[in-house]
């Protein structure tokens, strides 16, 4: 899933689960659950794109995730502590943050190699447009349920 998808889910976890002892494991689990859903992300077709394009798209994706998360907090969950939401966003994206040094900069040491190898076990890629559709649908269902409940 894109960093944007993980950020939105992390934001919703922050808004709905005030106890960090519950929210942190839930945010970690949400990353795995979201990546099991077949999805497109910035690294899909990475061999044909090249690492420079993947890095550029990833930076845009991260920025979009924070912007949309801020909008969700503002419009749907204005009473949520912003710093707490940031923490949940980073936790929900943590596997991607941990594998980035290995993937982009070839830092071949734990925990970066460990995160990369672990993530490849549950990451399920699907090319655009269907990989985008499944991801948007999953995030919208989570947001819809969070707003209703």
C-alpha atoms as a PDB file:
ATOM      1  CA  UNK A   1       0.000   0.000   0.000  1.00  0.00           C
ATOM      2  CA  UNK A   2       1.166   3.534  -0.553  1.00  0.00           C
ATOM      3  CA  UNK A   3       2.490   5.653   2.282  1.00  0.00           C
ATOM      4  CA  UNK A   4      -0.684   7.699   1.822  1.00  0.00           C
ATOM      5  CA  UNK A   5      -2.896   4.687   2.519  1.00  0.00           C
ATOM      6  CA  UNK A   6      -0.892   3.732   5.594  1.00  0.00           C
ATOM      7  CA  UNK A   7      -0.946   7.362   6.813  1.00  0.00           C
ATOM      8  CA  UNK A   8      -4.730   7.580   6.532  1.00  0.00           C
ATOM      9  CA  UNK A   9      -5.179   4.308   8.400  1.00  0.00           C
ATOM     10  CA  UNK A  10      -2.726   5.472  11.078  1.00  0.00           C
ATOM     11  CA  UNK A  11      -4.652   8.727  11.400  1.00  0.00           C
ATOM     12  CA  UNK A  12      -7.902   6.851  11.885  1.00  0.00           C
ATOM     13  CA  UNK A  13      -6.309   4.602  14.504  1.00  0.00           C
ATOM     14  CA  UNK A  14      -5.113   7.705  16.374  1.00  0.00           C
ATOM     15  CA  UNK A  15      -8.595   9.218  16.200  1.00  0.00           C
ATOM     16  CA  UNK A  16     -10.398   6.104  17.402  1.00  0.00           C
ATOM     17  CA  UNK A  17      -7.922   4.473  19.816  1.00  0.00           C
ATOM     18  CA  UNK A  18      -6.722   6.842  22.492  1.00  0.00           C
ATOM     19  CA  UNK A  19      -4.654   4.278  24.356  1.00  0.00           C
ATOM     20  CA  UNK A  20      -1.182   4.029  22.766  1.00  0.00           C
ATOM     21  CA  UNK A  21      -0.643   0.579  24.297  1.00  0.00           C
ATOM     22  CA  UNK A  22      -3.456  -0.617  22.028  1.00  0.00           C
ATOM     23  CA  UNK A  23      -2.921   1.794  19.136  1.00  0.00           C
ATOM     24  CA  UNK A  24       0.745   1.006  18.460  1.00  0.00           C
ATOM     25  CA  UNK A  25       0.262  -2.761  17.964  1.00  0.00           C
ATOM     26  CA  UNK A  26      -2.895  -2.046  15.969  1.00  0.00           C
ATOM     27  CA  UNK A  27      -1.009   0.389  13.714  1.00  0.00           C
ATOM     28  CA  UNK A  28       1.742  -2.203  13.159  1.00  0.00           C
ATOM     29  CA  UNK A  29      -0.824  -4.881  12.360  1.00  0.00           C
ATOM     30  CA  UNK A  30      -2.664  -2.488  10.045  1.00  0.00           C
ATOM     31  CA  UNK A  31       0.447  -2.226   7.891  1.00  0.00           C
ATOM     32  CA  UNK A  32       0.562  -5.970   7.372  1.00  0.00           C
ATOM     33  CA  UNK A  33      -3.194  -6.230   6.806  1.00  0.00           C
ATOM     34  CA  UNK A  34      -3.173  -3.372   4.295  1.00  0.00           C
ATOM     35  CA  UNK A  35      -0.214  -4.797   2.379  1.00  0.00           C
ATOM     36  CA  UNK A  36      -1.858  -8.207   2.087  1.00  0.00           C
ATOM     37  CA  UNK A  37      -4.619  -6.589   0.009  1.00  0.00           C
ATOM     38  CA  UNK A  38      -3.444  -6.569  -3.623  1.00  0.00           C
ATOM     39  CA  UNK A  39      -2.401  -2.967  -4.261  1.00  0.00           C
ATOM     40  CA  UNK A  40      -0.329  -0.589  -6.328  1.00  0.00           C
ATOM     41  CA  UNK A  41       2.371   1.485  -4.707  1.00  0.00           C
ATOM     42  CA  UNK A  42       5.279   3.616  -5.832  1.00  0.00           C
ATOM     43  CA  UNK A  43       7.582   0.595  -6.061  1.00  0.00           C
ATOM     44  CA  UNK A  44       5.255  -1.356  -8.364  1.00  0.00           C
ATOM     45  CA  UNK A  45       7.136  -1.924 -11.647  1.00  0.00           C
ATOM     46  CA  UNK A  46      10.294  -0.635  -9.957  1.00  0.00           C
ATOM     47  CA  UNK A  47      12.634  -2.325 -12.421  1.00  0.00           C
ATOM     48  CA  UNK A  48      11.186  -0.498 -15.402  1.00  0.00           C
ATOM     49  CA  UNK A  49      10.806   2.807 -13.492  1.00  0.00           C
ATOM     50  CA  UNK A  50      14.258   2.943 -11.969  1.00  0.00           C
ATOM     51  CA  UNK A  51      15.097   3.957  -8.411  1.00  0.00           C
ATOM     52  CA  UNK A  52      15.173   7.713  -9.097  1.00  0.00           C
ATOM     53  CA  UNK A  53      11.579   7.710 -10.300  1.00  0.00           C
ATOM     54  CA  UNK A  54      10.494   5.440  -7.447  1.00  0.00           C
ATOM     55  CA  UNK A  55      12.175   7.793  -4.949  1.00  0.00           C
ATOM     56  CA  UNK A  56      10.503  10.865  -6.496  1.00  0.00           C
ATOM     57  CA  UNK A  57       7.080   9.202  -6.475  1.00  0.00           C
ATOM     58  CA  UNK A  58       7.652   8.009  -2.896  1.00  0.00           C
ATOM     59  CA  UNK A  59       8.475  11.517  -1.666  1.00  0.00           C
ATOM     60  CA  UNK A  60       5.286  12.820  -3.322  1.00  0.00           C
ATOM     61  CA  UNK A  61       3.329   9.920  -1.802  1.00  0.00           C
ATOM     62  CA  UNK A  62       4.613  10.667   1.707  1.00  0.00           C
ATOM     63  CA  UNK A  63       3.736  14.361   1.360  1.00  0.00           C
ATOM     64  CA  UNK A  64       0.252  13.525   0.060  1.00  0.00           C
ATOM     65  CA  UNK A  65      -0.286  11.145   2.977  1.00  0.00           C
ATOM     66  CA  UNK A  66       0.503  13.827   5.544  1.00  0.00           C
ATOM     67  CA  UNK A  67      -1.666  16.388   3.729  1.00  0.00           C
ATOM     68  CA  UNK A  68      -4.677  14.051   3.534  1.00  0.00           C
ATOM     69  CA  UNK A  69      -4.177  12.929   7.130  1.00  0.00           C
ATOM     70  CA  UNK A  70      -4.203  16.549   8.265  1.00  0.00           C
ATOM     71  CA  UNK A  71      -7.412  17.133   6.283  1.00  0.00           C
ATOM     72  CA  UNK A  72      -9.043  14.044   7.807  1.00  0.00           C
ATOM     73  CA  UNK A  73      -8.091  15.191  11.297  1.00  0.00           C
ATOM     74  CA  UNK A  74      -9.405  18.678  10.608  1.00  0.00           C
ATOM     75  CA  UNK A  75     -12.731  17.684   9.062  1.00  0.00           C
ATOM     76  CA  UNK A  76     -13.607  14.387  10.729  1.00  0.00           C
ATOM     77  CA  UNK A  77     -11.645  14.102  13.974  1.00  0.00           C
ATOM     78  CA  UNK A  78     -10.730  17.638  15.137  1.00  0.00           C
ATOM     79  CA  UNK A  79     -10.325  16.587  18.790  1.00  0.00           C
ATOM     80  CA  UNK A  80      -7.485  14.172  18.004  1.00  0.00           C
ATOM     81  CA  UNK A  81      -4.059  15.221  19.248  1.00  0.00           C
ATOM     82  CA  UNK A  82      -1.952  16.044  16.191  1.00  0.00           C
ATOM     83  CA  UNK A  83       1.330  14.725  17.639  1.00  0.00           C
ATOM     84  CA  UNK A  84      -0.361  11.475  18.644  1.00  0.00           C
ATOM     85  CA  UNK A  85      -1.687  11.165  15.087  1.00  0.00           C
ATOM     86  CA  UNK A  86       1.824  11.731  13.707  1.00  0.00           C
ATOM     87  CA  UNK A  87       3.120   8.958  15.934  1.00  0.00           C
ATOM     88  CA  UNK A  88       0.445   6.553  14.673  1.00  0.00           C
ATOM     89  CA  UNK A  89       1.173   7.551  11.077  1.00  0.00           C
ATOM     90  CA  UNK A  90       4.860   6.740  11.505  1.00  0.00           C
ATOM     91  CA  UNK A  91       4.077   3.481  13.287  1.00  0.00           C
ATOM     92  CA  UNK A  92       1.616   2.441  10.572  1.00  0.00           C
ATOM     93  CA  UNK A  93       4.272   3.179   7.931  1.00  0.00           C
ATOM     94  CA  UNK A  94       7.160   1.782   9.996  1.00  0.00           C
ATOM     95  CA  UNK A  95       7.909  -1.317   7.922  1.00  0.00           C
ATOM     96  CA  UNK A  96       8.339   0.902   4.848  1.00  0.00           C
ATOM     97  CA  UNK A  97      10.516   3.409   6.735  1.00  0.00           C
ATOM     98  CA  UNK A  98      12.703   0.568   8.000  1.00  0.00           C
ATOM     99  CA  UNK A  99      13.199  -1.034   4.604  1.00  0.00           C
ATOM    100  CA  UNK A 100      13.891   2.237   2.732  1.00  0.00           C
ATOM    101  CA  UNK A 101      17.597   2.502   3.684  1.00  0.00           C
ATOM    102  CA  UNK A 102      18.178  -0.998   2.327  1.00  0.00           C
ATOM    103  CA  UNK A 103      16.124  -0.471  -0.837  1.00  0.00           C
ATOM    104  CA  UNK A 104      17.224   3.044  -1.804  1.00  0.00           C
ATOM    105  CA  UNK A 105      20.731   3.318  -0.338  1.00  0.00           C
ATOM    106  CA  UNK A 106      21.882  -0.332  -0.205  1.00  0.00           C
ATOM    107  CA  UNK A 107      22.502  -0.259   3.542  1.00  0.00           C
ATOM    108  CA  UNK A 108      22.797  -3.989   4.011  1.00  0.00           C
ATOM    109  CA  UNK A 109      22.407  -4.431   7.766  1.00  0.00           C
ATOM    110  CA  UNK A 110      19.708  -5.158  10.306  1.00  0.00           C
ATOM    111  CA  UNK A 111      17.080  -3.865  10.910  1.00  0.00           C
ATOM    112  CA  UNK A 112      16.859  -2.679   7.288  1.00  0.00           C
ATOM    113  CA  UNK A 113      17.455  -6.059   5.662  1.00  0.00           C
ATOM    114  CA  UNK A 114      15.150  -7.706   8.178  1.00  0.00           C
ATOM    115  CA  UNK A 115      12.342  -5.224   7.405  1.00  0.00           C
ATOM    116  CA  UNK A 116      12.796  -5.690   3.660  1.00  0.00           C
ATOM    117  CA  UNK A 117      12.750  -9.493   3.853  1.00  0.00           C
ATOM    118  CA  UNK A 118       9.756  -9.513   6.208  1.00  0.00           C
ATOM    119  CA  UNK A 119       7.765  -7.084   4.103  1.00  0.00           C
ATOM    120  CA  UNK A 120       8.293  -9.106   0.930  1.00  0.00           C
ATOM    121  CA  UNK A 121       6.545 -12.059   2.638  1.00  0.00           C
ATOM    122  CA  UNK A 122       3.179 -10.279   2.872  1.00  0.00           C
ATOM    123  CA  UNK A 123       3.325  -7.516   0.260  1.00  0.00           C
ATOM    124  CA  UNK A 124       0.862  -8.187  -2.553  1.00  0.00           C
ATOM    125  CA  UNK A 125       1.396  -6.020  -5.627  1.00  0.00           C
ATOM    126  CA  UNK A 126      -1.242  -5.338  -8.269  1.00  0.00           C
ATOM    127  CA  UNK A 127      -0.622  -3.031 -11.189  1.00  0.00           C
ATOM    128  CA  UNK A 128      -2.645   0.107 -11.869  1.00  0.00           C
ATOM    129  CA  UNK A 129      -5.506   0.781 -12.264  1.00  0.00           C
ATOM    130  CA  UNK A 130      -6.888  -2.134 -10.203  1.00  0.00           C
ATOM    131  CA  UNK A 131      -4.167  -1.889  -7.595  1.00  0.00           C
ATOM    132  CA  UNK A 132      -5.170   1.722  -6.989  1.00  0.00           C
ATOM    133  CA  UNK A 133      -8.872   0.848  -6.935  1.00  0.00           C
ATOM    134  CA  UNK A 134      -8.439  -1.854  -4.268  1.00  0.00           C
ATOM    135  CA  UNK A 135      -6.353   0.458  -2.120  1.00  0.00           C
ATOM    136  CA  UNK A 136      -8.712   3.436  -2.347  1.00  0.00           C
ATOM    137  CA  UNK A 137     -11.677   1.166  -1.635  1.00  0.00           C
ATOM    138  CA  UNK A 138     -10.005  -0.330   1.450  1.00  0.00           C
ATOM    139  CA  UNK A 139      -9.046   3.080   2.860  1.00  0.00           C
ATOM    140  CA  UNK A 140     -12.514   4.520   2.176  1.00  0.00           C
ATOM    141  CA  UNK A 141     -14.185   1.588   3.947  1.00  0.00           C
ATOM    142  CA  UNK A 142     -11.968   2.133   7.004  1.00  0.00           C
ATOM    143  CA  UNK A 143     -12.672   5.894   6.979  1.00  0.00           C
ATOM    144  CA  UNK A 144     -16.417   5.367   6.496  1.00  0.00           C
ATOM    145  CA  UNK A 145     -16.596   2.915   9.398  1.00  0.00           C
ATOM    146  CA  UNK A 146     -14.531   5.215  11.626  1.00  0.00           C
ATOM    147  CA  UNK A 147     -16.801   8.170  10.945  1.00  0.00           C
ATOM    148  CA  UNK A 148     -19.937   6.086  11.591  1.00  0.00           C
ATOM    149  CA  UNK A 149     -18.734   4.407  14.781  1.00  0.00           C
END
